PDB file of N, CA and C in Angstrom:
ATOM      1  N   MET A   1       0.834  -1.194   0.000  1.00  0.00           N
ATOM      2  CA  MET A   1       0.000   0.000   0.000  1.00  0.00           C
ATOM      3  C   MET A   1       0.874   1.252   0.000  1.00  0.00           C
ATOM      4  N   ILE A   2       1.795   1.356   0.938  1.00  0.00           N
ATOM      5  CA  ILE A   2       2.708   2.490   0.998  1.00  0.00           C
ATOM      6  C   ILE A   2       4.126   1.939   1.058  1.00  0.00           C
ATOM      7  N   ASP A   3       4.947   2.342   0.093  1.00  0.00           N
ATOM      8  CA  ASP A   3       6.319   1.836   0.041  1.00  0.00           C
ATOM      9  C   ASP A   3       7.214   2.516   1.078  1.00  0.00           C
ATOM     10  N   GLU A   4       7.066   3.826   1.197  1.00  0.00           N
ATOM     11  CA  GLU A   4       7.882   4.579   2.153  1.00  0.00           C
ATOM     12  C   GLU A   4       6.988   5.568   2.887  1.00  0.00           C
ATOM     13  N   TRP A   5       7.233   5.701   4.178  1.00  0.00           N
ATOM     14  CA  TRP A   5       6.463   6.629   5.001  1.00  0.00           C
ATOM     15  C   TRP A   5       7.118   8.003   4.970  1.00  0.00           C
ATOM     16  N   ALA A   6       6.309   9.023   4.772  1.00  0.00           N
ATOM     17  CA  ALA A   6       6.807  10.391   4.888  1.00  0.00           C
ATOM     18  C   ALA A   6       6.970  10.695   6.371  1.00  0.00           C
ATOM     19  N   GLU A   7       8.092  11.228   6.724  1.00  0.00           N
ATOM     20  CA  GLU A   7       8.384  11.495   8.139  1.00  0.00           C
ATOM     21  C   GLU A   7       7.592  12.674   8.694  1.00  0.00           C
ATOM     22  N   ASP A   8       7.127  13.566   7.824  1.00  0.00           N
ATOM     23  CA  ASP A   8       6.498  14.795   8.294  1.00  0.00           C
ATOM     24  C   ASP A   8       4.987  14.690   8.500  1.00  0.00           C
ATOM     25  N   ARG A   9       4.410  13.517   8.220  1.00  0.00           N
ATOM     26  CA  ARG A   9       2.966  13.339   8.379  1.00  0.00           C
ATOM     27  C   ARG A   9       2.662  12.040   9.096  1.00  0.00           C
ATOM     28  N   PRO A  10       1.616  12.029   9.912  1.00  0.00           N
ATOM     29  CA  PRO A  10       1.240  10.793  10.606  1.00  0.00           C
ATOM     30  C   PRO A  10       0.895   9.691   9.608  1.00  0.00           C
ATOM     31  N   LYS A  11       1.200   8.465   9.986  1.00  0.00           N
ATOM     32  CA  LYS A  11       0.936   7.322   9.108  1.00  0.00           C
ATOM     33  C   LYS A  11      -0.546   7.198   8.780  1.00  0.00           C
ATOM     34  N   TRP A  12      -1.417   7.442   9.754  1.00  0.00           N
ATOM     35  CA  TRP A  12      -2.846   7.290   9.494  1.00  0.00           C
ATOM     36  C   TRP A  12      -3.303   8.226   8.390  1.00  0.00           C
ATOM     37  N   GLU A  13      -2.735   9.452   8.335  1.00  0.00           N
ATOM     38  CA  GLU A  13      -3.101  10.399   7.284  1.00  0.00           C
ATOM     39  C   GLU A  13      -2.639   9.905   5.919  1.00  0.00           C
ATOM     40  N   GLN A  14      -1.457   9.321   5.877  1.00  0.00           N
ATOM     41  CA  GLN A  14      -0.921   8.815   4.620  1.00  0.00           C
ATOM     42  C   GLN A  14      -1.757   7.640   4.101  1.00  0.00           C
ATOM     43  N   ILE A  15      -2.163   6.760   4.998  1.00  0.00           N
ATOM     44  CA  ILE A  15      -2.998   5.624   4.603  1.00  0.00           C
ATOM     45  C   ILE A  15      -4.364   6.119   4.133  1.00  0.00           C
ATOM     46  N   ALA A  16      -4.933   7.067   4.859  1.00  0.00           N
ATOM     47  CA  ALA A  16      -6.220   7.634   4.461  1.00  0.00           C
ATOM     48  C   ALA A  16      -6.119   8.279   3.082  1.00  0.00           C
ATOM     49  N   ASP A  17      -5.004   8.946   2.799  1.00  0.00           N
ATOM     50  CA  ASP A  17      -4.803   9.555   1.478  1.00  0.00           C
ATOM     51  C   ASP A  17      -4.800   8.498   0.375  1.00  0.00           C
ATOM     52  N   VAL A  18      -4.162   7.361   0.633  1.00  0.00           N
ATOM     53  CA  VAL A  18      -4.120   6.279  -0.355  1.00  0.00           C
ATOM     54  C   VAL A  18      -5.533   5.765  -0.618  1.00  0.00           C
ATOM     55  N   ILE A  19      -6.306   5.573   0.440  1.00  0.00           N
ATOM     56  CA  ILE A  19      -7.674   5.075   0.259  1.00  0.00           C
ATOM     57  C   ILE A  19      -8.519   6.114  -0.470  1.00  0.00           C
ATOM     58  N   ARG A  20      -8.364   7.402  -0.107  1.00  0.00           N
ATOM     59  CA  ARG A  20      -9.096   8.469  -0.820  1.00  0.00           C
ATOM     60  C   ARG A  20      -8.752   8.456  -2.310  1.00  0.00           C
ATOM     61  N   GLN A  21      -7.469   8.300  -2.622  1.00  0.00           N
ATOM     62  CA  GLN A  21      -7.037   8.273  -4.021  1.00  0.00           C
ATOM     63  C   GLN A  21      -7.644   7.076  -4.748  1.00  0.00           C
ATOM     64  N   ARG A  22      -7.683   5.935  -4.078  1.00  0.00           N
ATOM     65  CA  ARG A  22      -8.262   4.734  -4.694  1.00  0.00           C
ATOM     66  C   ARG A  22      -9.763   4.882  -4.907  1.00  0.00           C
ATOM     67  N   ILE A  23     -10.418   5.618  -4.026  1.00  0.00           N
ATOM     68  CA  ILE A  23     -11.841   5.911  -4.225  1.00  0.00           C
ATOM     69  C   ILE A  23     -11.984   6.838  -5.433  1.00  0.00           C
ATOM     70  N   ALA A  24     -11.164   7.873  -5.491  1.00  0.00           N
ATOM     71  CA  ALA A  24     -11.239   8.857  -6.575  1.00  0.00           C
ATOM     72  C   ALA A  24     -10.940   8.246  -7.941  1.00  0.00           C
ATOM     73  N   ASP A  25      -9.979   7.326  -7.996  1.00  0.00           N
ATOM     74  CA  ASP A  25      -9.608   6.760  -9.303  1.00  0.00           C
ATOM     75  C   ASP A  25     -10.430   5.529  -9.680  1.00  0.00           C
ATOM     76  N   GLY A  26     -11.374   5.134  -8.818  1.00  0.00           N
ATOM     77  CA  GLY A  26     -12.264   4.031  -9.141  1.00  0.00           C
ATOM     78  C   GLY A  26     -11.761   2.659  -8.739  1.00  0.00           C
ATOM     79  N   THR A  27     -10.577   2.594  -8.127  1.00  0.00           N
ATOM     80  CA  THR A  27     -10.097   1.308  -7.636  1.00  0.00           C
ATOM     81  C   THR A  27     -11.093   0.738  -6.632  1.00  0.00           C
ATOM     82  N   TYR A  28     -11.628   1.615  -5.784  1.00  0.00           N
ATOM     83  CA  TYR A  28     -12.702   1.249  -4.865  1.00  0.00           C
ATOM     84  C   TYR A  28     -13.945   2.003  -5.331  1.00  0.00           C
ATOM     85  N   PRO A  29     -14.783   1.388  -6.161  1.00  0.00           N
ATOM     86  CA  PRO A  29     -15.981   2.079  -6.650  1.00  0.00           C
ATOM     87  C   PRO A  29     -17.035   2.222  -5.545  1.00  0.00           C
ATOM     88  N   PRO A  30     -18.053   3.060  -5.784  1.00  0.00           N
ATOM     89  CA  PRO A  30     -19.111   3.236  -4.797  1.00  0.00           C
ATOM     90  C   PRO A  30     -19.701   1.901  -4.353  1.00  0.00           C
ATOM     91  N   ARG A  31     -19.905   1.793  -3.065  1.00  0.00           N
ATOM     92  CA  ARG A  31     -20.497   0.641  -2.377  1.00  0.00           C
ATOM     93  C   ARG A  31     -19.599  -0.594  -2.360  1.00  0.00           C
ATOM     94  N   SER A  32     -18.345  -0.446  -2.816  1.00  0.00           N
ATOM     95  CA  SER A  32     -17.412  -1.577  -2.710  1.00  0.00           C
ATOM     96  C   SER A  32     -16.751  -1.546  -1.331  1.00  0.00           C
ATOM     97  N   ARG A  33     -16.290  -2.683  -0.898  1.00  0.00           N
ATOM     98  CA  ARG A  33     -15.668  -2.803   0.411  1.00  0.00           C
ATOM     99  C   ARG A  33     -14.254  -2.214   0.370  1.00  0.00           C
ATOM    100  N   VAL A  34     -13.911  -1.506   1.431  1.00  0.00           N
ATOM    101  CA  VAL A  34     -12.542  -1.017   1.602  1.00  0.00           C
ATOM    102  C   VAL A  34     -11.840  -1.957   2.584  1.00  0.00           C
ATOM    103  N   PRO A  35     -10.520  -1.912   2.643  1.00  0.00           N
ATOM    104  CA  PRO A  35      -9.818  -2.820   3.556  1.00  0.00           C
ATOM    105  C   PRO A  35     -10.299  -2.675   4.998  1.00  0.00           C
ATOM    106  N   SER A  36     -10.358  -3.805   5.673  1.00  0.00           N
ATOM    107  CA  SER A  36     -10.745  -3.828   7.084  1.00  0.00           C
ATOM    108  C   SER A  36      -9.571  -3.377   7.945  1.00  0.00           C
ATOM    109  N   VAL A  37      -9.837  -3.200   9.215  1.00  0.00           N
ATOM    110  CA  VAL A  37      -8.770  -2.860  10.161  1.00  0.00           C
ATOM    111  C   VAL A  37      -7.670  -3.911  10.080  1.00  0.00           C
ATOM    112  N   GLN A  38      -8.058  -5.175  10.101  1.00  0.00           N
ATOM    113  CA  GLN A  38      -7.072  -6.254  10.069  1.00  0.00           C
ATOM    114  C   GLN A  38      -6.269  -6.235   8.774  1.00  0.00           C
ATOM    115  N   GLN A  39      -6.917  -5.952   7.658  1.00  0.00           N
ATOM    116  CA  GLN A  39      -6.205  -5.876   6.385  1.00  0.00           C
ATOM    117  C   GLN A  39      -5.234  -4.702   6.365  1.00  0.00           C
ATOM    118  N   LEU A  40      -5.651  -3.566   6.906  1.00  0.00           N
ATOM    119  CA  LEU A  40      -4.752  -2.406   6.958  1.00  0.00           C
ATOM    120  C   LEU A  40      -3.532  -2.702   7.823  1.00  0.00           C
ATOM    121  N   VAL A  41      -3.752  -3.374   8.947  1.00  0.00           N
ATOM    122  CA  VAL A  41      -2.637  -3.748   9.828  1.00  0.00           C
ATOM    123  C   VAL A  41      -1.666  -4.660   9.074  1.00  0.00           C
ATOM    124  N   ALA A  42      -2.211  -5.664   8.390  1.00  0.00           N
ATOM    125  CA  ALA A  42      -1.365  -6.618   7.672  1.00  0.00           C
ATOM    126  C   ALA A  42      -0.620  -5.960   6.511  1.00  0.00           C
ATOM    127  N   GLU A  43      -1.292  -5.076   5.774  1.00  0.00           N
ATOM    128  CA  GLU A  43      -0.697  -4.452   4.592  1.00  0.00           C
ATOM    129  C   GLU A  43       0.299  -3.357   4.930  1.00  0.00           C
ATOM    130  N   THR A  44       0.080  -2.653   6.037  1.00  0.00           N
ATOM    131  CA  THR A  44       0.903  -1.473   6.321  1.00  0.00           C
ATOM    132  C   THR A  44       1.814  -1.629   7.532  1.00  0.00           C
ATOM    133  N   GLY A  45       1.504  -2.590   8.396  1.00  0.00           N
ATOM    134  CA  GLY A  45       2.310  -2.784   9.594  1.00  0.00           C
ATOM    135  C   GLY A  45       2.014  -1.803  10.714  1.00  0.00           C
ATOM    136  N   VAL A  46       0.916  -1.035  10.579  1.00  0.00           N
ATOM    137  CA  VAL A  46       0.562  -0.099  11.644  1.00  0.00           C
ATOM    138  C   VAL A  46      -0.186  -0.836  12.747  1.00  0.00           C
ATOM    139  N   ALA A  47      -0.351  -0.179  13.867  1.00  0.00           N
ATOM    140  CA  ALA A  47      -1.091  -0.745  14.992  1.00  0.00           C
ATOM    141  C   ALA A  47      -2.589  -0.721  14.703  1.00  0.00           C
ATOM    142  N   VAL A  48      -3.330  -1.556  15.409  1.00  0.00           N
ATOM    143  CA  VAL A  48      -4.778  -1.618  15.265  1.00  0.00           C
ATOM    144  C   VAL A  48      -5.397  -0.246  15.497  1.00  0.00           C
ATOM    145  N   ASP A  49      -4.950   0.464  16.530  1.00  0.00           N
ATOM    146  CA  ASP A  49      -5.503   1.794  16.820  1.00  0.00           C
ATOM    147  C   ASP A  49      -5.317   2.744  15.642  1.00  0.00           C
ATOM    148  N   THR A  50      -4.178   2.652  14.981  1.00  0.00           N
ATOM    149  CA  THR A  50      -3.904   3.514  13.828  1.00  0.00           C
ATOM    150  C   THR A  50      -4.841   3.171  12.681  1.00  0.00           C
ATOM    151  N   ALA A  51      -5.024   1.889  12.407  1.00  0.00           N
ATOM    152  CA  ALA A  51      -5.927   1.462  11.338  1.00  0.00           C
ATOM    153  C   ALA A  51      -7.364   1.887  11.647  1.00  0.00           C
ATOM    154  N   GLN A  52      -7.765   1.781  12.901  1.00  0.00           N
ATOM    155  CA  GLN A  52      -9.109   2.217  13.289  1.00  0.00           C
ATOM    156  C   GLN A  52      -9.275   3.717  13.069  1.00  0.00           C
ATOM    157  N   LYS A  53      -8.221   4.465  13.341  1.00  0.00           N
ATOM    158  CA  LYS A  53      -8.269   5.917  13.154  1.00  0.00           C
ATOM    159  C   LYS A  53      -8.443   6.265  11.678  1.00  0.00           C
ATOM    160  N   VAL A  54      -7.797   5.523  10.801  1.00  0.00           N
ATOM    161  CA  VAL A  54      -7.938   5.739   9.355  1.00  0.00           C
ATOM    162  C   VAL A  54      -9.405   5.613   8.966  1.00  0.00           C
ATOM    163  N   LEU A  55     -10.014   4.491   9.336  1.00  0.00           N
ATOM    164  CA  LEU A  55     -11.400   4.248   8.946  1.00  0.00           C
ATOM    165  C   LEU A  55     -12.354   5.233   9.616  1.00  0.00           C
ATOM    166  N   ALA A  56     -12.095   5.571  10.867  1.00  0.00           N
ATOM    167  CA  ALA A  56     -12.954   6.537  11.562  1.00  0.00           C
ATOM    168  C   ALA A  56     -12.897   7.897  10.874  1.00  0.00           C
ATOM    169  N   ASN A  57     -11.711   8.311  10.470  1.00  0.00           N
ATOM    170  CA  ASN A  57     -11.559   9.590   9.788  1.00  0.00           C
ATOM    171  C   ASN A  57     -12.306   9.596   8.455  1.00  0.00           C
ATOM    172  N   LEU A  58     -12.149   8.542   7.680  1.00  0.00           N
ATOM    173  CA  LEU A  58     -12.841   8.452   6.395  1.00  0.00           C
ATOM    174  C   LEU A  58     -14.354   8.405   6.591  1.00  0.00           C
ATOM    175  N   ARG A  59     -14.797   7.745   7.655  1.00  0.00           N
ATOM    176  CA  ARG A  59     -16.226   7.681   7.973  1.00  0.00           C
ATOM    177  C   ARG A  59     -16.735   9.077   8.357  1.00  0.00           C
ATOM    178  N   ASP A  60     -15.960   9.782   9.188  1.00  0.00           N
ATOM    179  CA  ASP A  60     -16.352  11.134   9.601  1.00  0.00           C
ATOM    180  C   ASP A  60     -16.450  12.084   8.411  1.00  0.00           C
ATOM    181  N   GLU A  61     -15.603  11.873   7.408  1.00  0.00           N
ATOM    182  CA  GLU A  61     -15.619  12.701   6.196  1.00  0.00           C
ATOM    183  C   GLU A  61     -16.793  12.357   5.280  1.00  0.00           C
ATOM    184  N   GLY A  62     -17.394  11.196   5.500  1.00  0.00           N
ATOM    185  CA  GLY A  62     -18.470  10.749   4.638  1.00  0.00           C
ATOM    186  C   GLY A  62     -17.981   9.980   3.415  1.00  0.00           C
ATOM    187  N   ALA A  63     -16.684   9.642   3.382  1.00  0.00           N
ATOM    188  CA  ALA A  63     -16.126   8.906   2.245  1.00  0.00           C
ATOM    189  C   ALA A  63     -16.520   7.434   2.287  1.00  0.00           C
ATOM    190  N   ILE A  64     -16.701   6.901   3.493  1.00  0.00           N
ATOM    191  CA  ILE A  64     -17.086   5.508   3.663  1.00  0.00           C
ATOM    192  C   ILE A  64     -18.187   5.424   4.718  1.00  0.00           C
ATOM    193  N   TYR A  65     -18.825   4.277   4.767  1.00  0.00           N
ATOM    194  CA  TYR A  65     -19.763   3.974   5.852  1.00  0.00           C
ATOM    195  C   TYR A  65     -19.493   2.538   6.286  1.00  0.00           C
ATOM    196  N   THR A  66     -19.842   2.232   7.518  1.00  0.00           N
ATOM    197  CA  THR A  66     -19.585   0.911   8.067  1.00  0.00           C
ATOM    198  C   THR A  66     -20.905   0.255   8.439  1.00  0.00           C
ATOM    199  N   VAL A  67     -21.017  -1.004   8.071  1.00  0.00           N
ATOM    200  CA  VAL A  67     -22.169  -1.811   8.456  1.00  0.00           C
ATOM    201  C   VAL A  67     -21.641  -2.856   9.431  1.00  0.00           C
ATOM    202  N   ARG A  68     -22.100  -2.782  10.646  1.00  0.00           N
ATOM    203  CA  ARG A  68     -21.616  -3.688  11.689  1.00  0.00           C
ATOM    204  C   ARG A  68     -21.749  -5.143  11.230  1.00  0.00           C
ATOM    205  N   GLY A  69     -20.663  -5.858  11.341  1.00  0.00           N
ATOM    206  CA  GLY A  69     -20.644  -7.257  10.969  1.00  0.00           C
ATOM    207  C   GLY A  69     -20.357  -7.519   9.494  1.00  0.00           C
ATOM    208  N   LEU A  70     -20.384  -6.474   8.679  1.00  0.00           N
ATOM    209  CA  LEU A  70     -20.136  -6.643   7.243  1.00  0.00           C
ATOM    210  C   LEU A  70     -18.871  -5.948   6.766  1.00  0.00           C
ATOM    211  N   GLY A  71     -18.552  -4.796   7.342  1.00  0.00           N
ATOM    212  CA  GLY A  71     -17.345  -4.082   6.935  1.00  0.00           C
ATOM    213  C   GLY A  71     -17.628  -2.636   6.581  1.00  0.00           C
ATOM    214  N   SER A  72     -16.618  -2.024   5.974  1.00  0.00           N
ATOM    215  CA  SER A  72     -16.714  -0.627   5.565  1.00  0.00           C
ATOM    216  C   SER A  72     -16.748  -0.556   4.045  1.00  0.00           C
ATOM    217  N   PHE A  73     -17.560   0.380   3.544  1.00  0.00           N
ATOM    218  CA  PHE A  73     -17.834   0.476   2.119  1.00  0.00           C
ATOM    219  C   PHE A  73     -17.709   1.920   1.654  1.00  0.00           C
ATOM    220  N   VAL A  74     -17.394   2.087   0.378  1.00  0.00           N
ATOM    221  CA  VAL A  74     -17.312   3.416  -0.219  1.00  0.00           C
ATOM    222  C   VAL A  74     -18.713   3.994  -0.303  1.00  0.00           C
ATOM    223  N   ALA A  75     -18.863   5.207   0.181  1.00  0.00           N
ATOM    224  CA  ALA A  75     -20.165   5.864   0.129  1.00  0.00           C
ATOM    225  C   ALA A  75     -20.439   6.354  -1.289  1.00  0.00           C
ATOM    226  N   ALA A  76     -21.656   6.205  -1.724  1.00  0.00           N
ATOM    227  CA  ALA A  76     -22.116   6.774  -2.989  1.00  0.00           C
ATOM    228  C   ALA A  76     -22.865   8.049  -2.647  1.00  0.00           C
ATOM    229  N   ARG A  77     -23.077   8.865  -3.614  1.00  0.00           N
ATOM    230  CA  ARG A  77     -23.778  10.134  -3.370  1.00  0.00           C
ATOM    231  C   ARG A  77     -25.114   9.939  -2.670  1.00  0.00           C
ATOM    232  N   ASP A  78     -25.813   8.879  -2.981  1.00  0.00           N
ATOM    233  CA  ASP A  78     -27.127   8.655  -2.377  1.00  0.00           C
ATOM    234  C   ASP A  78     -27.064   7.826  -1.094  1.00  0.00           C
ATOM    235  N   ASP A  79     -25.854   7.640  -0.548  1.00  0.00           N
ATOM    236  CA  ASP A  79     -25.681   6.890   0.688  1.00  0.00           C
ATOM    237  C   ASP A  79     -25.602   7.785   1.918  1.00  0.00           C
ATOM    238  N   ALA A  80     -26.002   9.021   1.805  1.00  0.00           N
ATOM    239  CA  ALA A  80     -25.869   9.963   2.907  1.00  0.00           C
ATOM    240  C   ALA A  80     -26.602   9.507   4.160  1.00  0.00           C
ATOM    241  N   ASP A  81     -27.607   8.666   3.993  1.00  0.00           N
ATOM    242  CA  ASP A  81     -28.389   8.218   5.138  1.00  0.00           C
ATOM    243  C   ASP A  81     -27.911   6.897   5.712  1.00  0.00           C
ATOM    244  N   GLN A  82     -26.773   6.387   5.247  1.00  0.00           N
ATOM    245  CA  GLN A  82     -26.246   5.121   5.769  1.00  0.00           C
ATOM    246  C   GLN A  82     -25.852   5.288   7.236  1.00  0.00           C
ATOM    247  N   PRO A  83     -25.894   4.191   8.003  1.00  0.00           N
ATOM    248  CA  PRO A  83     -25.531   4.267   9.431  1.00  0.00           C
ATOM    249  C   PRO A  83     -24.074   4.603   9.626  1.00  0.00           C
TER     250      PRO A  83
END
């Protein structure tokens, strides 16, 4: 996911940027699943808390939504009412 970490920015921000870019370029299309906390930990080597912060930030921005027990998904324009 990330080959080298920029020293001047927190890792969670860098990971969130990668996911945002993948949403923007269609790698993760609307309503598709984004990596889980466990997948982010495995792919990036960050701590669970850091991976949770990535997803929480993207959720707060409205870029993704989470369905308990199913995972996190890319929000579509008409998904504003998702939990």
